[in-house]
């Protein structure tokens, strides 16, 4: 998605040495401000891999908060 111009990615700086056609790497300043993040998953029961990822993300964020926000009218999942 990054190479096609449809996204950005935060990656380890070691990937910059690989050199990927169509990708520019930029160093992020050392004093990175904290921001609020959200993790979106589908409404169905998650796989074991996804459940473990979500649990690790919650633990790493220091927040166990869980909020459910249904899709707006006219939007369909999948």
PDB file of N, CA and C in Angstrom:
ATOM      1  N   UNK A   1       0.821  -1.187   0.000  1.00  0.00           N
ATOM      2  CA  UNK A   1       0.000   0.000   0.000  1.00  0.00           C
ATOM      3  C   UNK A   1       0.866   1.252   0.000  1.00  0.00           C
ATOM      4  N   UNK A   2       2.000   1.177   0.682  1.00  0.00           N
ATOM      5  CA  UNK A   2       2.883   2.345   0.735  1.00  0.00           C
ATOM      6  C   UNK A   2       3.409   2.655  -0.660  1.00  0.00           C
ATOM      7  N   UNK A   3       3.915   1.654  -1.357  1.00  0.00           N
ATOM      8  CA  UNK A   3       4.486   1.868  -2.688  1.00  0.00           C
ATOM      9  C   UNK A   3       3.449   2.378  -3.680  1.00  0.00           C
ATOM     10  N   UNK A   4       2.182   2.027  -3.481  1.00  0.00           N
ATOM     11  CA  UNK A   4       1.140   2.489  -4.393  1.00  0.00           C
ATOM     12  C   UNK A   4       0.591   3.857  -4.013  1.00  0.00           C
ATOM     13  N   UNK A   5       1.124   4.433  -2.911  1.00  0.00           N
ATOM     14  CA  UNK A   5       0.691   5.764  -2.496  1.00  0.00           C
ATOM     15  C   UNK A   5      -0.561   5.771  -1.649  1.00  0.00           C
ATOM     16  N   UNK A   6      -0.970   4.612  -1.147  1.00  0.00           N
ATOM     17  CA  UNK A   6      -2.208   4.520  -0.377  1.00  0.00           C
ATOM     18  C   UNK A   6      -2.004   4.382   1.120  1.00  0.00           C
ATOM     19  N   UNK A   7      -0.780   4.509   1.596  1.00  0.00           N
ATOM     20  CA  UNK A   7      -0.590   4.347   3.028  1.00  0.00           C
ATOM     21  C   UNK A   7       0.791   4.740   3.487  1.00  0.00           C
ATOM     22  N   UNK A   8       0.972   4.656   4.783  1.00  0.00           N
ATOM     23  CA  UNK A   8       2.266   4.875   5.407  1.00  0.00           C
ATOM     24  C   UNK A   8       2.514   3.696   6.334  1.00  0.00           C
ATOM     25  N   UNK A   9       3.744   3.521   6.751  1.00  0.00           N
ATOM     26  CA  UNK A   9       4.063   2.440   7.682  1.00  0.00           C
ATOM     27  C   UNK A   9       5.169   2.884   8.611  1.00  0.00           C
ATOM     28  N   UNK A  10       5.066   2.495   9.853  1.00  0.00           N
ATOM     29  CA  UNK A  10       6.144   2.689  10.810  1.00  0.00           C
ATOM     30  C   UNK A  10       6.914   1.382  10.845  1.00  0.00           C
ATOM     31  N   UNK A  11       8.181   1.444  10.473  1.00  0.00           N
ATOM     32  CA  UNK A  11       9.003   0.240  10.373  1.00  0.00           C
ATOM     33  C   UNK A  11      10.329   0.458  11.078  1.00  0.00           C
ATOM     34  N   UNK A  12      11.030  -0.616  11.421  1.00  0.00           N
ATOM     35  CA  UNK A  12      12.354  -0.455  12.022  1.00  0.00           C
ATOM     36  C   UNK A  12      13.301   0.239  11.047  1.00  0.00           C
ATOM     37  N   UNK A  13      14.206   1.046  11.568  1.00  0.00           N
ATOM     38  CA  UNK A  13      15.135   1.785  10.706  1.00  0.00           C
ATOM     39  C   UNK A  13      16.015   0.854   9.883  1.00  0.00           C
ATOM     40  N   UNK A  14      16.186  -0.379  10.315  1.00  0.00           N
ATOM     41  CA  UNK A  14      17.014  -1.324   9.564  1.00  0.00           C
ATOM     42  C   UNK A  14      16.446  -1.610   8.175  1.00  0.00           C
ATOM     43  N   UNK A  15      15.154  -1.441   7.975  1.00  0.00           N
ATOM     44  CA  UNK A  15      14.560  -1.678   6.658  1.00  0.00           C
ATOM     45  C   UNK A  15      15.005  -0.652   5.630  1.00  0.00           C
ATOM     46  N   UNK A  16      15.423   0.513   6.072  1.00  0.00           N
ATOM     47  CA  UNK A  16      15.877   1.545   5.135  1.00  0.00           C
ATOM     48  C   UNK A  16      17.110   1.082   4.374  1.00  0.00           C
ATOM     49  N   UNK A  17      17.912   0.223   4.963  1.00  0.00           N
ATOM     50  CA  UNK A  17      19.125  -0.271   4.303  1.00  0.00           C
ATOM     51  C   UNK A  17      18.803  -1.217   3.160  1.00  0.00           C
ATOM     52  N   UNK A  18      17.639  -1.839   3.193  1.00  0.00           N
ATOM     53  CA  UNK A  18      17.267  -2.798   2.152  1.00  0.00           C
ATOM     54  C   UNK A  18      17.015  -2.080   0.833  1.00  0.00           C
ATOM     55  N   UNK A  19      16.346  -0.946   0.885  1.00  0.00           N
ATOM     56  CA  UNK A  19      16.027  -0.200  -0.323  1.00  0.00           C
ATOM     57  C   UNK A  19      14.909  -0.869  -1.099  1.00  0.00           C
ATOM     58  N   UNK A  20      13.749  -0.297  -1.056  1.00  0.00           N
ATOM     59  CA  UNK A  20      12.587  -0.832  -1.753  1.00  0.00           C
ATOM     60  C   UNK A  20      12.156   0.178  -2.804  1.00  0.00           C
ATOM     61  N   UNK A  21      12.026  -0.266  -4.047  1.00  0.00           N
ATOM     62  CA  UNK A  21      11.635   0.612  -5.141  1.00  0.00           C
ATOM     63  C   UNK A  21      10.295   1.280  -4.842  1.00  0.00           C
ATOM     64  N   UNK A  22      10.241   2.589  -4.955  1.00  0.00           N
ATOM     65  CA  UNK A  22       9.011   3.333  -4.734  1.00  0.00           C
ATOM     66  C   UNK A  22       8.740   3.698  -3.290  1.00  0.00           C
ATOM     67  N   UNK A  23       9.666   3.375  -2.393  1.00  0.00           N
ATOM     68  CA  UNK A  23       9.485   3.662  -0.970  1.00  0.00           C
ATOM     69  C   UNK A  23      10.571   4.618  -0.499  1.00  0.00           C
ATOM     70  N   UNK A  24      10.174   5.665   0.208  1.00  0.00           N
ATOM     71  CA  UNK A  24      11.124   6.585   0.837  1.00  0.00           C
ATOM     72  C   UNK A  24      11.050   6.382   2.339  1.00  0.00           C
ATOM     73  N   UNK A  25      12.201   6.304   2.963  1.00  0.00           N
ATOM     74  CA  UNK A  25      12.267   6.135   4.412  1.00  0.00           C
ATOM     75  C   UNK A  25      12.664   7.456   5.050  1.00  0.00           C
ATOM     76  N   UNK A  26      12.009   7.817   6.128  1.00  0.00           N
ATOM     77  CA  UNK A  26      12.310   9.048   6.854  1.00  0.00           C
ATOM     78  C   UNK A  26      12.513   8.708   8.322  1.00  0.00           C
ATOM     79  N   UNK A  27      13.549   9.277   8.916  1.00  0.00           N
ATOM     80  CA  UNK A  27      13.801   9.068  10.343  1.00  0.00           C
ATOM     81  C   UNK A  27      12.796   9.893  11.143  1.00  0.00           C
ATOM     82  N   UNK A  28      12.275   9.302  12.185  1.00  0.00           N
ATOM     83  CA  UNK A  28      11.370  10.003  13.087  1.00  0.00           C
ATOM     84  C   UNK A  28      12.209  10.577  14.215  1.00  0.00           C
ATOM     85  N   UNK A  29      11.905  11.775  14.632  1.00  0.00           N
ATOM     86  CA  UNK A  29      12.649  12.431  15.712  1.00  0.00           C
ATOM     87  C   UNK A  29      12.677  11.549  16.956  1.00  0.00           C
ATOM     88  N   UNK A  30      13.729  11.718  17.748  1.00  0.00           N
ATOM     89  CA  UNK A  30      13.880  10.904  18.956  1.00  0.00           C
ATOM     90  C   UNK A  30      12.786  11.161  19.986  1.00  0.00           C
ATOM     91  N   UNK A  31      12.331  12.386  20.117  1.00  0.00           N
ATOM     92  CA  UNK A  31      11.286  12.725  21.092  1.00  0.00           C
ATOM     93  C   UNK A  31       9.923  12.640  20.421  1.00  0.00           C
ATOM     94  N   UNK A  32       9.413  11.442  20.323  1.00  0.00           N
ATOM     95  CA  UNK A  32       8.136  11.224  19.651  1.00  0.00           C
ATOM     96  C   UNK A  32       7.005  11.478  20.642  1.00  0.00           C
ATOM     97  N   UNK A  33       6.073  12.367  20.303  1.00  0.00           N
ATOM     98  CA  UNK A  33       4.947  12.601  21.211  1.00  0.00           C
ATOM     99  C   UNK A  33       4.027  11.383  21.226  1.00  0.00           C
ATOM    100  N   UNK A  34       3.363  11.165  22.337  1.00  0.00           N
ATOM    101  CA  UNK A  34       2.429  10.044  22.402  1.00  0.00           C
ATOM    102  C   UNK A  34       1.122  10.442  21.724  1.00  0.00           C
ATOM    103  N   UNK A  35       0.488   9.467  21.124  1.00  0.00           N
ATOM    104  CA  UNK A  35      -0.781   9.698  20.435  1.00  0.00           C
ATOM    105  C   UNK A  35      -1.750   8.575  20.798  1.00  0.00           C
ATOM    106  N   UNK A  36      -3.017   8.833  20.586  1.00  0.00           N
ATOM    107  CA  UNK A  36      -4.033   7.806  20.804  1.00  0.00           C
ATOM    108  C   UNK A  36      -4.154   6.989  19.529  1.00  0.00           C
ATOM    109  N   UNK A  37      -4.191   5.689  19.673  1.00  0.00           N
ATOM    110  CA  UNK A  37      -4.329   4.784  18.539  1.00  0.00           C
ATOM    111  C   UNK A  37      -5.600   3.978  18.683  1.00  0.00           C
ATOM    112  N   UNK A  38      -6.068   3.472  17.578  1.00  0.00           N
ATOM    113  CA  UNK A  38      -7.226   2.589  17.586  1.00  0.00           C
ATOM    114  C   UNK A  38      -6.886   1.340  16.787  1.00  0.00           C
ATOM    115  N   UNK A  39      -7.458   0.235  17.168  1.00  0.00           N
ATOM    116  CA  UNK A  39      -7.278  -1.028  16.468  1.00  0.00           C
ATOM    117  C   UNK A  39      -8.656  -1.491  16.039  1.00  0.00           C
ATOM    118  N   UNK A  40      -8.839  -1.694  14.755  1.00  0.00           N
ATOM    119  CA  UNK A  40     -10.138  -2.116  14.232  1.00  0.00           C
ATOM    120  C   UNK A  40     -10.078  -3.585  13.839  1.00  0.00           C
ATOM    121  N   UNK A  41     -11.076  -4.343  14.250  1.00  0.00           N
ATOM    122  CA  UNK A  41     -11.195  -5.752  13.874  1.00  0.00           C
ATOM    123  C   UNK A  41     -12.612  -5.998  13.384  1.00  0.00           C
ATOM    124  N   UNK A  42     -12.798  -7.111  12.721  1.00  0.00           N
ATOM    125  CA  UNK A  42     -14.118  -7.466  12.231  1.00  0.00           C
ATOM    126  C   UNK A  42     -15.034  -7.893  13.368  1.00  0.00           C
ATOM    127  N   UNK A  43     -16.339  -7.982  13.100  1.00  0.00           N
ATOM    128  CA  UNK A  43     -17.308  -8.304  14.153  1.00  0.00           C
ATOM    129  C   UNK A  43     -17.337  -9.779  14.542  1.00  0.00           C
ATOM    130  N   UNK A  44     -16.784 -10.656  13.718  1.00  0.00           N
ATOM    131  CA  UNK A  44     -16.825 -12.093  14.000  1.00  0.00           C
ATOM    132  C   UNK A  44     -15.782 -12.474  15.040  1.00  0.00           C
ATOM    133  N   UNK A  45     -15.948 -13.655  15.612  1.00  0.00           N
ATOM    134  CA  UNK A  45     -14.985 -14.155  16.601  1.00  0.00           C
ATOM    135  C   UNK A  45     -13.600 -14.197  15.960  1.00  0.00           C
ATOM    136  N   UNK A  46     -12.607 -13.602  16.627  1.00  0.00           N
ATOM    137  CA  UNK A  46     -11.273 -13.551  16.031  1.00  0.00           C
ATOM    138  C   UNK A  46     -10.570 -14.906  16.067  1.00  0.00           C
ATOM    139  N   UNK A  47      -9.629 -15.081  15.143  1.00  0.00           N
ATOM    140  CA  UNK A  47      -8.790 -16.272  15.171  1.00  0.00           C
ATOM    141  C   UNK A  47      -7.883 -16.193  16.394  1.00  0.00           C
ATOM    142  N   UNK A  48      -7.234 -17.291  16.720  1.00  0.00           N
ATOM    143  CA  UNK A  48      -6.320 -17.304  17.863  1.00  0.00           C
ATOM    144  C   UNK A  48      -5.179 -16.313  17.652  1.00  0.00           C
ATOM    145  N   UNK A  49      -4.687 -16.212  16.425  1.00  0.00           N
ATOM    146  CA  UNK A  49      -3.590 -15.284  16.126  1.00  0.00           C
ATOM    147  C   UNK A  49      -4.041 -13.846  16.356  1.00  0.00           C
ATOM    148  N   UNK A  50      -5.232 -13.494  15.840  1.00  0.00           N
ATOM    149  CA  UNK A  50      -5.738 -12.136  16.022  1.00  0.00           C
ATOM    150  C   UNK A  50      -6.021 -11.849  17.490  1.00  0.00           C
ATOM    151  N   UNK A  51      -6.595 -12.806  18.196  1.00  0.00           N
ATOM    152  CA  UNK A  51      -6.882 -12.606  19.623  1.00  0.00           C
ATOM    153  C   UNK A  51      -5.596 -12.346  20.399  1.00  0.00           C
ATOM    154  N   UNK A  52      -4.526 -13.079  20.075  1.00  0.00           N
ATOM    155  CA  UNK A  52      -3.237 -12.863  20.739  1.00  0.00           C
ATOM    156  C   UNK A  52      -2.661 -11.496  20.397  1.00  0.00           C
ATOM    157  N   UNK A  53      -2.801 -11.070  19.139  1.00  0.00           N
ATOM    158  CA  UNK A  53      -2.302  -9.757  18.735  1.00  0.00           C
ATOM    159  C   UNK A  53      -3.043  -8.651  19.474  1.00  0.00           C
ATOM    160  N   UNK A  54      -4.363  -8.751  19.537  1.00  0.00           N
ATOM    161  CA  UNK A  54      -5.168  -7.741  20.230  1.00  0.00           C
ATOM    162  C   UNK A  54      -4.786  -7.691  21.708  1.00  0.00           C
ATOM    163  N   UNK A  55      -4.597  -8.853  22.326  1.00  0.00           N
ATOM    164  CA  UNK A  55      -4.204  -8.891  23.739  1.00  0.00           C
ATOM    165  C   UNK A  55      -2.838  -8.238  23.937  1.00  0.00           C
ATOM    166  N   UNK A  56      -1.896  -8.515  23.040  1.00  0.00           N
ATOM    167  CA  UNK A  56      -0.559  -7.915  23.141  1.00  0.00           C
ATOM    168  C   UNK A  56      -0.626  -6.409  22.926  1.00  0.00           C
ATOM    169  N   UNK A  57      -1.462  -5.961  22.000  1.00  0.00           N
ATOM    170  CA  UNK A  57      -1.604  -4.524  21.744  1.00  0.00           C
ATOM    171  C   UNK A  57      -2.185  -3.821  22.962  1.00  0.00           C
ATOM    172  N   UNK A  58      -3.182  -4.427  23.584  1.00  0.00           N
ATOM    173  CA  UNK A  58      -3.766  -3.826  24.792  1.00  0.00           C
ATOM    174  C   UNK A  58      -2.742  -3.767  25.920  1.00  0.00           C
ATOM    175  N   UNK A  59      -1.995  -4.854  26.095  1.00  0.00           N
ATOM    176  CA  UNK A  59      -0.993  -4.894  27.160  1.00  0.00           C
ATOM    177  C   UNK A  59       0.099  -3.855  26.901  1.00  0.00           C
ATOM    178  N   UNK A  60       0.563  -3.756  25.666  1.00  0.00           N
ATOM    179  CA  UNK A  60       1.619  -2.814  25.315  1.00  0.00           C
ATOM    180  C   UNK A  60       1.186  -1.369  25.411  1.00  0.00           C
ATOM    181  N   UNK A  61      -0.101  -1.130  25.242  1.00  0.00           N
ATOM    182  CA  UNK A  61      -0.592   0.247  25.288  1.00  0.00           C
ATOM    183  C   UNK A  61      -0.819   0.719  26.712  1.00  0.00           C
ATOM    184  N   UNK A  62      -0.837  -0.223  27.640  1.00  0.00           N
ATOM    185  CA  UNK A  62      -1.128   0.136  29.022  1.00  0.00           C
ATOM    186  C   UNK A  62      -2.605   0.383  29.245  1.00  0.00           C
ATOM    187  N   UNK A  63      -3.413   0.056  28.241  1.00  0.00           N
ATOM    188  CA  UNK A  63      -4.846   0.295  28.339  1.00  0.00           C
ATOM    189  C   UNK A  63      -5.602  -0.980  28.022  1.00  0.00           C
ATOM    190  N   UNK A  64      -6.527  -1.319  28.851  1.00  0.00           N
ATOM    191  CA  UNK A  64      -7.383  -2.455  28.578  1.00  0.00           C
ATOM    192  C   UNK A  64      -8.719  -2.006  28.021  1.00  0.00           C
ATOM    193  N   UNK A  65      -8.800  -0.727  27.661  1.00  0.00           N
ATOM    194  CA  UNK A  65     -10.073  -0.175  27.197  1.00  0.00           C
ATOM    195  C   UNK A  65     -10.545  -0.885  25.942  1.00  0.00           C
ATOM    196  N   UNK A  66     -11.838  -1.087  25.877  1.00  0.00           N
ATOM    197  CA  UNK A  66     -12.432  -1.670  24.682  1.00  0.00           C
ATOM    198  C   UNK A  66     -13.707  -0.898  24.383  1.00  0.00           C
ATOM    199  N   UNK A  67     -13.771  -0.382  23.186  1.00  0.00           N
ATOM    200  CA  UNK A  67     -14.957   0.351  22.758  1.00  0.00           C
ATOM    201  C   UNK A  67     -15.438  -0.258  21.457  1.00  0.00           C
ATOM    202  N   UNK A  68     -16.720  -0.410  21.323  1.00  0.00           N
ATOM    203  CA  UNK A  68     -17.294  -0.926  20.086  1.00  0.00           C
ATOM    204  C   UNK A  68     -18.026   0.204  19.387  1.00  0.00           C
ATOM    205  N   UNK A  69     -17.612   0.478  18.167  1.00  0.00           N
ATOM    206  CA  UNK A  69     -18.269   1.510  17.369  1.00  0.00           C
ATOM    207  C   UNK A  69     -18.763   0.857  16.083  1.00  0.00           C
ATOM    208  N   UNK A  70     -20.072   0.681  15.930  1.00  0.00           N
ATOM    209  CA  UNK A  70     -20.587   0.074  14.705  1.00  0.00           C
ATOM    210  C   UNK A  70     -20.315   0.960  13.501  1.00  0.00           C
ATOM    211  N   UNK A  71     -20.338   0.333  12.318  1.00  0.00           N
ATOM    212  CA  UNK A  71     -20.126   1.086  11.086  1.00  0.00           C
ATOM    213  C   UNK A  71     -21.245   2.096  10.884  1.00  0.00           C
ATOM    214  N   UNK A  72     -20.918   3.251  10.301  1.00  0.00           N
ATOM    215  CA  UNK A  72     -21.959   4.233   9.993  1.00  0.00           C
ATOM    216  C   UNK A  72     -22.939   3.674   8.964  1.00  0.00           C
ATOM    217  N   UNK A  73     -24.135   4.222   8.932  1.00  0.00           N
ATOM    218  CA  UNK A  73     -25.147   3.809   7.956  1.00  0.00           C
ATOM    219  C   UNK A  73     -24.575   3.921   6.554  1.00  0.00           C
ATOM    220  N   UNK A  74     -24.831   2.922   5.722  1.00  0.00           N
ATOM    221  CA  UNK A  74     -24.365   2.941   4.344  1.00  0.00           C
ATOM    222  C   UNK A  74     -23.006   2.298   4.153  1.00  0.00           C
ATOM    223  N   UNK A  75     -22.304   1.991   5.237  1.00  0.00           N
ATOM    224  CA  UNK A  75     -20.996   1.335   5.142  1.00  0.00           C
ATOM    225  C   UNK A  75     -21.186  -0.143   5.432  1.00  0.00           C
ATOM    226  N   UNK A  76     -20.572  -0.971   4.616  1.00  0.00           N
ATOM    227  CA  UNK A  76     -20.676  -2.402   4.831  1.00  0.00           C
ATOM    228  C   UNK A  76     -19.290  -2.985   5.025  1.00  0.00           C
ATOM    229  N   UNK A  77     -19.171  -3.898   5.954  1.00  0.00           N
ATOM    230  CA  UNK A  77     -17.886  -4.563   6.188  1.00  0.00           C
ATOM    231  C   UNK A  77     -17.655  -5.615   5.119  1.00  0.00           C
ATOM    232  N   UNK A  78     -16.368  -5.773   4.764  1.00  0.00           N
ATOM    233  CA  UNK A  78     -15.913  -6.870   3.952  1.00  0.00           C
ATOM    234  C   UNK A  78     -16.296  -6.866   2.552  1.00  0.00           C
TER     235      UNK A  78
END
